[in-house]
Protein backbone atom coordinates (compact mmCIF):
# COMPACT_ATOMS: atom_id res chain seq x y z
CA UNK A 1 -65.74 -107.59 30.58
CA UNK A 2 -63.68 -109.29 27.87
CA UNK A 3 -65.08 -109.39 24.37
CA UNK A 4 -65.71 -112.92 23.15
CA UNK A 5 -63.38 -114.19 20.44
CA UNK A 6 -65.25 -114.70 17.15
CA UNK A 7 -65.16 -118.02 15.35
CA UNK A 8 -64.05 -116.53 12.03
CA UNK A 9 -62.25 -113.33 11.09
CA UNK A 10 -62.97 -111.98 7.61
CA UNK A 11 -59.94 -110.08 6.34
CA UNK A 12 -60.83 -107.31 3.89
CA UNK A 13 -58.15 -104.91 2.63
CA UNK A 14 -59.77 -101.76 1.24
CA UNK A 15 -58.32 -99.36 -1.30
CA UNK A 16 -60.87 -97.16 -3.05
CA UNK A 17 -63.78 -99.55 -2.61
CA UNK A 18 -66.01 -97.06 -4.38
CA UNK A 19 -69.60 -97.94 -5.12
CA UNK A 20 -69.09 -101.63 -4.29
CA UNK A 21 -67.83 -101.47 -0.69
CA UNK A 22 -71.22 -101.24 1.04
CA UNK A 23 -72.53 -104.31 -0.76
CA UNK A 24 -69.35 -106.28 -0.09
CA UNK A 25 -69.53 -105.61 3.66
CA UNK A 26 -73.26 -106.30 3.78
CA UNK A 27 -72.72 -109.66 2.08
CA UNK A 28 -70.47 -110.66 4.99
CA UNK A 29 -72.57 -109.19 7.79
CA UNK A 30 -75.57 -111.03 6.31
CA UNK A 31 -73.91 -114.46 6.48
CA UNK A 32 -75.85 -117.37 7.94
CA UNK A 33 -72.76 -117.95 10.11
CA UNK A 34 -72.99 -114.93 12.40
CA UNK A 35 -70.08 -115.63 14.78
CA UNK A 36 -67.64 -113.45 12.88
CA UNK A 37 -65.69 -110.24 12.76
CA UNK A 38 -64.78 -108.13 9.74
CA UNK A 39 -61.20 -106.86 9.92
CA UNK A 40 -61.19 -104.05 7.36
CA UNK A 41 -57.76 -102.58 6.66
CA UNK A 42 -58.08 -99.14 5.05
CA UNK A 43 -55.15 -98.84 2.65
CA UNK A 44 -54.86 -95.19 1.65
CA UNK A 45 -58.22 -94.72 -0.08
CA UNK A 46 -59.04 -91.35 -1.60
CA UNK A 47 -62.71 -91.97 -2.43
CA UNK A 48 -64.41 -91.89 0.95
CA UNK A 49 -64.01 -95.61 1.70
CA UNK A 50 -62.77 -94.77 5.19
CA UNK A 51 -66.06 -93.04 6.02
CA UNK A 52 -68.02 -96.02 4.69
CA UNK A 53 -66.04 -98.37 6.93
CA UNK A 54 -66.51 -96.17 10.00
CA UNK A 55 -70.25 -96.03 9.35
CA UNK A 56 -70.46 -99.83 9.27
CA UNK A 57 -68.33 -100.08 12.43
CA UNK A 58 -70.72 -97.72 14.22
CA UNK A 59 -73.73 -99.77 13.19
CA UNK A 60 -72.28 -103.25 13.80
CA UNK A 61 -69.71 -104.03 16.50
CA UNK A 62 -68.46 -106.96 14.44
CA UNK A 63 -66.72 -104.53 12.06
CA UNK A 64 -63.21 -103.46 13.09
CA UNK A 65 -61.41 -100.81 11.05
CA UNK A 66 -57.63 -100.44 10.87
CA UNK A 67 -56.59 -97.10 9.36
CA UNK A 68 -53.28 -98.20 7.87
CA UNK A 69 -52.68 -95.44 5.35
CA UNK A 70 -51.16 -96.13 1.91
CA UNK A 71 -49.04 -99.11 2.94
CA UNK A 72 -49.77 -101.38 -0.04
CA UNK A 73 -51.72 -104.62 -0.29
CA UNK A 74 -49.21 -107.03 1.28
CA UNK A 75 -48.60 -104.81 4.30
CA UNK A 76 -52.36 -104.29 4.69
CA UNK A 77 -52.94 -108.05 4.60
CA UNK A 78 -50.25 -108.67 7.22
CA UNK A 79 -51.68 -105.96 9.49
CA UNK A 80 -55.05 -107.66 9.20
CA UNK A 81 -53.55 -111.05 9.96
CA UNK A 82 -51.96 -109.67 13.12
CA UNK A 83 -55.25 -108.13 14.26
CA UNK A 84 -57.54 -111.07 13.42
CA UNK A 85 -58.60 -113.09 16.46
CA UNK A 86 -60.76 -115.89 15.02
CA UNK A 87 -59.68 -119.50 14.73
CA UNK A 88 -60.69 -119.37 11.08
CA UNK A 89 -59.60 -116.67 8.66
CA UNK A 90 -61.62 -115.86 5.55
CA UNK A 91 -60.50 -113.55 2.76
CA UNK A 92 -62.79 -111.09 1.07
CA UNK A 93 -62.20 -108.30 -1.41
CA UNK A 94 -63.87 -104.91 -1.10
CA UNK A 95 -65.71 -105.15 -4.42
CA UNK A 96 -66.89 -108.78 -4.41
CA UNK A 97 -70.08 -110.38 -3.10
CA UNK A 98 -70.26 -113.49 -0.93
CA UNK A 99 -73.15 -115.93 -1.07
CA UNK A 100 -75.07 -115.84 2.25
CA UNK A 101 -74.03 -119.39 3.19
CA UNK A 102 -70.40 -119.09 2.08
CA UNK A 103 -68.85 -119.18 5.55
CA UNK A 104 -71.31 -121.74 6.90
CA UNK A 105 -70.50 -124.19 4.11
CA UNK A 106 -66.75 -123.64 4.23
CA UNK A 107 -66.58 -124.04 8.00
CA UNK A 108 -68.72 -127.18 7.83
CA UNK A 109 -66.33 -128.67 5.28
CA UNK A 110 -63.25 -127.77 7.32
CA UNK A 111 -64.77 -129.34 10.43
CA UNK A 112 -65.64 -132.50 8.49
CA UNK A 113 -62.14 -132.62 6.93
CA UNK A 114 -59.75 -131.57 9.71
CA UNK A 115 -56.75 -132.43 7.54
CA UNK A 116 -57.51 -129.45 5.27
CA UNK A 117 -55.86 -126.15 6.18
CA UNK A 118 -56.98 -123.91 3.30
CA UNK A 119 -60.30 -124.17 1.46
CA UNK A 120 -61.25 -122.17 -1.63
CA UNK A 121 -64.37 -122.32 -3.77
CA UNK A 122 -65.50 -121.88 -7.33
CA UNK A 123 -66.66 -118.40 -8.26
CA UNK A 124 -68.37 -116.54 -11.04
CA UNK A 125 -67.41 -113.20 -12.54
CA UNK A 126 -69.74 -110.21 -12.40
CA UNK A 127 -69.39 -106.79 -13.97
CA UNK A 128 -69.89 -103.38 -12.37
CA UNK A 129 -73.66 -103.74 -12.75
CA UNK A 130 -73.66 -107.14 -11.03
CA UNK A 131 -74.40 -109.14 -14.19
CA UNK A 132 -72.69 -112.52 -14.48
CA UNK A 133 -70.10 -112.48 -17.26
CA UNK A 134 -68.30 -115.77 -16.67
CA UNK A 135 -67.33 -118.38 -14.11
CA UNK A 136 -64.32 -120.32 -12.92
CA UNK A 137 -63.92 -123.70 -11.30
CA UNK A 138 -60.81 -125.34 -9.89
CA UNK A 139 -59.46 -128.77 -9.11
CA UNK A 140 -60.81 -129.80 -5.71
CA UNK A 141 -58.73 -132.57 -4.10
CA UNK A 142 -55.63 -131.72 -2.04
CA UNK A 143 -53.42 -133.89 -4.25
CA UNK A 144 -54.52 -132.16 -7.43
CA UNK A 145 -54.28 -128.72 -5.85
CA UNK A 146 -50.69 -129.47 -4.77
CA UNK A 147 -49.86 -130.71 -8.27
CA UNK A 148 -51.44 -127.57 -9.77
CA UNK A 149 -49.19 -125.05 -8.07
CA UNK A 150 -46.90 -124.94 -11.13
CA UNK A 151 -49.65 -124.88 -13.76
CA UNK A 152 -51.72 -121.94 -12.48
CA UNK A 153 -53.04 -120.55 -9.24
CA UNK A 154 -55.34 -123.33 -7.97
CA UNK A 155 -57.11 -121.16 -5.37
CA UNK A 156 -58.97 -117.89 -5.85
CA UNK A 157 -57.64 -115.69 -3.06
CA UNK A 158 -60.90 -113.93 -2.06
CA UNK A 159 -62.72 -117.27 -1.78
CA UNK A 160 -60.43 -118.95 0.76
CA UNK A 161 -61.15 -119.77 4.37
CA UNK A 162 -58.20 -120.93 6.46
CA UNK A 163 -58.03 -123.05 9.60
CA UNK A 164 -55.24 -121.30 11.47
CA UNK A 165 -54.69 -124.25 13.80
CA UNK A 166 -53.72 -126.29 10.75
CA UNK A 167 -51.56 -123.72 8.99
CA UNK A 168 -49.62 -122.21 11.86
CA UNK A 169 -48.22 -118.71 11.44
CA UNK A 170 -49.31 -116.90 8.29
CA UNK A 171 -47.35 -114.14 6.58
CA UNK A 172 -47.65 -112.68 3.11
CA UNK A 173 -44.43 -111.98 1.22
CA UNK A 174 -43.78 -108.78 -0.68
CA UNK A 175 -42.05 -108.69 -4.06
CA UNK A 176 -44.70 -110.52 -6.10
CA UNK A 177 -47.31 -107.98 -7.28
CA UNK A 178 -50.71 -109.68 -7.51
CA UNK A 179 -49.13 -113.06 -6.68
CA UNK A 180 -48.78 -112.76 -2.90
CA UNK A 181 -51.44 -115.44 -2.53
CA UNK A 182 -49.66 -117.97 -4.75
CA UNK A 183 -46.43 -117.42 -2.81
CA UNK A 184 -48.34 -118.19 0.41
CA UNK A 185 -49.94 -121.34 -1.02
CA UNK A 186 -46.48 -122.56 -2.08
CA UNK A 187 -45.12 -121.95 1.42
CA UNK A 188 -48.01 -123.76 3.09
CA UNK A 189 -47.81 -126.69 0.67
CA UNK A 190 -44.13 -127.15 1.47
CA UNK A 191 -45.05 -127.22 5.16
CA UNK A 192 -47.38 -130.13 4.45
CA UNK A 193 -50.60 -128.12 4.76
CA UNK A 194 -53.40 -129.58 2.61
CA UNK A 195 -55.23 -127.17 0.29
CA UNK A 196 -58.58 -127.94 -1.36
CA UNK A 197 -61.55 -126.36 -3.13
CA UNK A 198 -65.32 -126.70 -2.93
CA UNK A 199 -66.83 -127.15 -6.37
CA UNK A 200 -69.57 -124.65 -5.63
CA UNK A 201 -69.89 -120.96 -6.50
CA UNK A 202 -69.82 -119.12 -3.17
CA UNK A 203 -68.34 -115.82 -4.34
CA UNK A 204 -69.17 -113.33 -7.06
CA UNK A 205 -65.86 -111.93 -8.27
CA UNK A 206 -66.34 -108.43 -9.61
CA UNK A 207 -64.40 -107.31 -12.68
CA UNK A 208 -64.46 -103.60 -13.45
CA UNK A 209 -62.14 -100.90 -14.76
CA UNK A 210 -60.33 -100.36 -11.45
CA UNK A 211 -60.11 -103.99 -10.31
CA UNK A 212 -56.86 -105.94 -10.17
CA UNK A 213 -58.37 -108.62 -12.42
CA UNK A 214 -58.84 -106.08 -15.19
CA UNK A 215 -55.24 -104.87 -15.02
CA UNK A 216 -52.21 -106.05 -17.00
CA UNK A 217 -52.41 -109.86 -17.14
CA UNK A 218 -48.83 -110.10 -18.41
CA UNK A 219 -47.56 -108.40 -15.24
CA UNK A 220 -49.65 -110.70 -13.07
CA UNK A 221 -48.37 -113.76 -14.92
CA UNK A 222 -44.76 -112.63 -14.56
CA UNK A 223 -45.22 -112.17 -10.82
CA UNK A 224 -46.81 -115.62 -10.55
CA UNK A 225 -43.76 -117.18 -12.20
CA UNK A 226 -41.43 -115.17 -9.94
CA UNK A 227 -43.29 -116.41 -6.85
CA UNK A 228 -42.85 -120.03 -7.92
CA UNK A 229 -39.19 -119.74 -8.92
CA UNK A 230 -38.12 -117.94 -5.75
CA UNK A 231 -39.96 -120.38 -3.49
CA UNK A 232 -38.65 -123.51 -5.23
CA UNK A 233 -35.40 -125.34 -4.60
CA UNK A 234 -34.62 -125.70 -8.28
CA UNK A 235 -32.02 -123.86 -10.30
CA UNK A 236 -33.74 -120.60 -11.16
CA UNK A 237 -32.98 -120.73 -14.88
CA UNK A 238 -34.29 -124.28 -15.26
CA UNK A 239 -37.40 -123.59 -13.22
CA UNK A 240 -38.22 -120.38 -15.07
CA UNK A 241 -37.82 -122.08 -18.46
CA UNK A 242 -40.26 -124.85 -17.53
CA UNK A 243 -42.77 -122.71 -15.68
CA UNK A 244 -42.93 -119.98 -18.31
CA UNK A 245 -44.02 -122.60 -20.85
CA UNK A 246 -46.81 -124.02 -18.73
CA UNK A 247 -48.09 -121.46 -16.27
CA UNK A 248 -51.19 -119.81 -17.74
CA UNK A 249 -49.89 -120.92 -21.13
CA UNK A 250 -53.32 -120.65 -22.75
CA UNK A 251 -53.23 -116.88 -22.22
CA UNK A 252 -49.63 -116.51 -23.34
CA UNK A 253 -49.87 -118.03 -26.81
CA UNK A 254 -47.36 -120.80 -26.10
CA UNK A 255 -47.25 -123.47 -28.81
CA UNK A 256 -48.37 -127.00 -28.01
CA UNK A 257 -44.86 -128.42 -28.39
CA UNK A 258 -43.39 -125.79 -26.07
CA UNK A 259 -46.19 -126.46 -23.60
CA UNK A 260 -45.56 -130.22 -23.69
CA UNK A 261 -41.82 -129.65 -23.23
CA UNK A 262 -42.54 -127.49 -20.21
CA UNK A 263 -44.95 -130.04 -18.77
CA UNK A 264 -42.34 -132.80 -19.13
CA UNK A 265 -39.66 -130.68 -17.46
CA UNK A 266 -42.00 -129.69 -14.64
CA UNK A 267 -43.01 -133.28 -14.00
CA UNK A 268 -39.37 -134.35 -13.73
CA UNK A 269 -38.74 -131.54 -11.26
CA UNK A 270 -41.95 -132.23 -9.34
CA UNK A 271 -40.99 -135.84 -8.72
CA UNK A 272 -38.70 -134.45 -6.02
CA UNK A 273 -41.63 -132.96 -4.13
CA UNK A 274 -42.79 -135.39 -1.41
CA UNK A 275 -46.23 -133.74 -1.16
CA UNK A 276 -47.08 -134.52 -4.81
CA UNK A 277 -47.86 -138.02 -6.09
CA UNK A 278 -47.02 -139.31 -9.57
CA UNK A 279 -50.69 -140.06 -10.24
CA UNK A 280 -51.67 -136.49 -9.37
CA UNK A 281 -48.95 -135.11 -11.63
CA UNK A 282 -50.13 -137.27 -14.51
CA UNK A 283 -53.74 -136.22 -14.06
CA UNK A 284 -52.86 -132.53 -13.68
CA UNK A 285 -50.71 -132.70 -16.82
CA UNK A 286 -53.60 -134.25 -18.74
CA UNK A 287 -55.96 -131.52 -17.51
CA UNK A 288 -53.49 -128.85 -18.59
CA UNK A 289 -53.05 -130.34 -22.05
CA UNK A 290 -56.82 -130.68 -22.48
CA UNK A 291 -57.29 -127.03 -21.48
CA UNK A 292 -54.61 -125.95 -23.96
CA UNK A 293 -56.33 -127.88 -26.74
CA UNK A 294 -59.75 -126.40 -25.88
CA UNK A 295 -58.34 -122.90 -25.99
CA UNK A 296 -56.58 -123.57 -29.28
CA UNK A 297 -59.86 -124.83 -30.73
CA UNK A 298 -61.64 -121.64 -29.61
CA UNK A 299 -58.91 -119.50 -31.15
CA UNK A 300 -59.37 -121.21 -34.52
CA UNK A 301 -63.09 -120.41 -34.65
């Protein structure tokens, strides 16, 4: 007897999930949308994560474990993509927590808006103890998300749910440490796939000593810029000059005049992109400038 194909596959790469892995898996298995599978790709853990995954797979047939070995994040993600069978694909990290209705709400939105291929959400930040320590929201409309791809990453990777019928084949690209998601969003946007966000916190993003979020932000930012430059059709030197003055500029200490110069250059380059409207560029530029000014005001206090 053939096993029924689940509606949604939840892709979870696991490398040393530690004390948070059980709770992360339970937050998916406890979803109000129950027609799902968890595709857990074990990526060379040394802390017993493999045993935790096998225990969950024994208890719940919806958990599938791929013992990949130490192949790295991008390879683990691509192995999971190849194994996932659901129409919808949701991402989840091994140390985060999903709200119980996360998948239900995202799938409802994607059904109501069939033009959307990728849907992220807002999220908060929690520490190792589970205490909220911050939050993050994103632009929501497809036009603003498309216009934001040069100003910062407009989608939080572990929040996204993807309609695979809208996106076509998915493949993560290596060479951009911690920016493999941004490279994928750029590729999908160029294909004409619409990306959007729900302005609702549906994921608790854990920040702790071993998490990628807590690692070197300068390295992450450099990889983000590399992902944009390589995937663009611009001259690399011109693109890098503009992007480096705008992308995550609030964290890089870029002066206002340098930021404005970068915004102007980016807007001129973006006018060539058919998927981005002038109105969206103008609004996204205004949002970026306002954010820069808010951060500068905080720094003066």
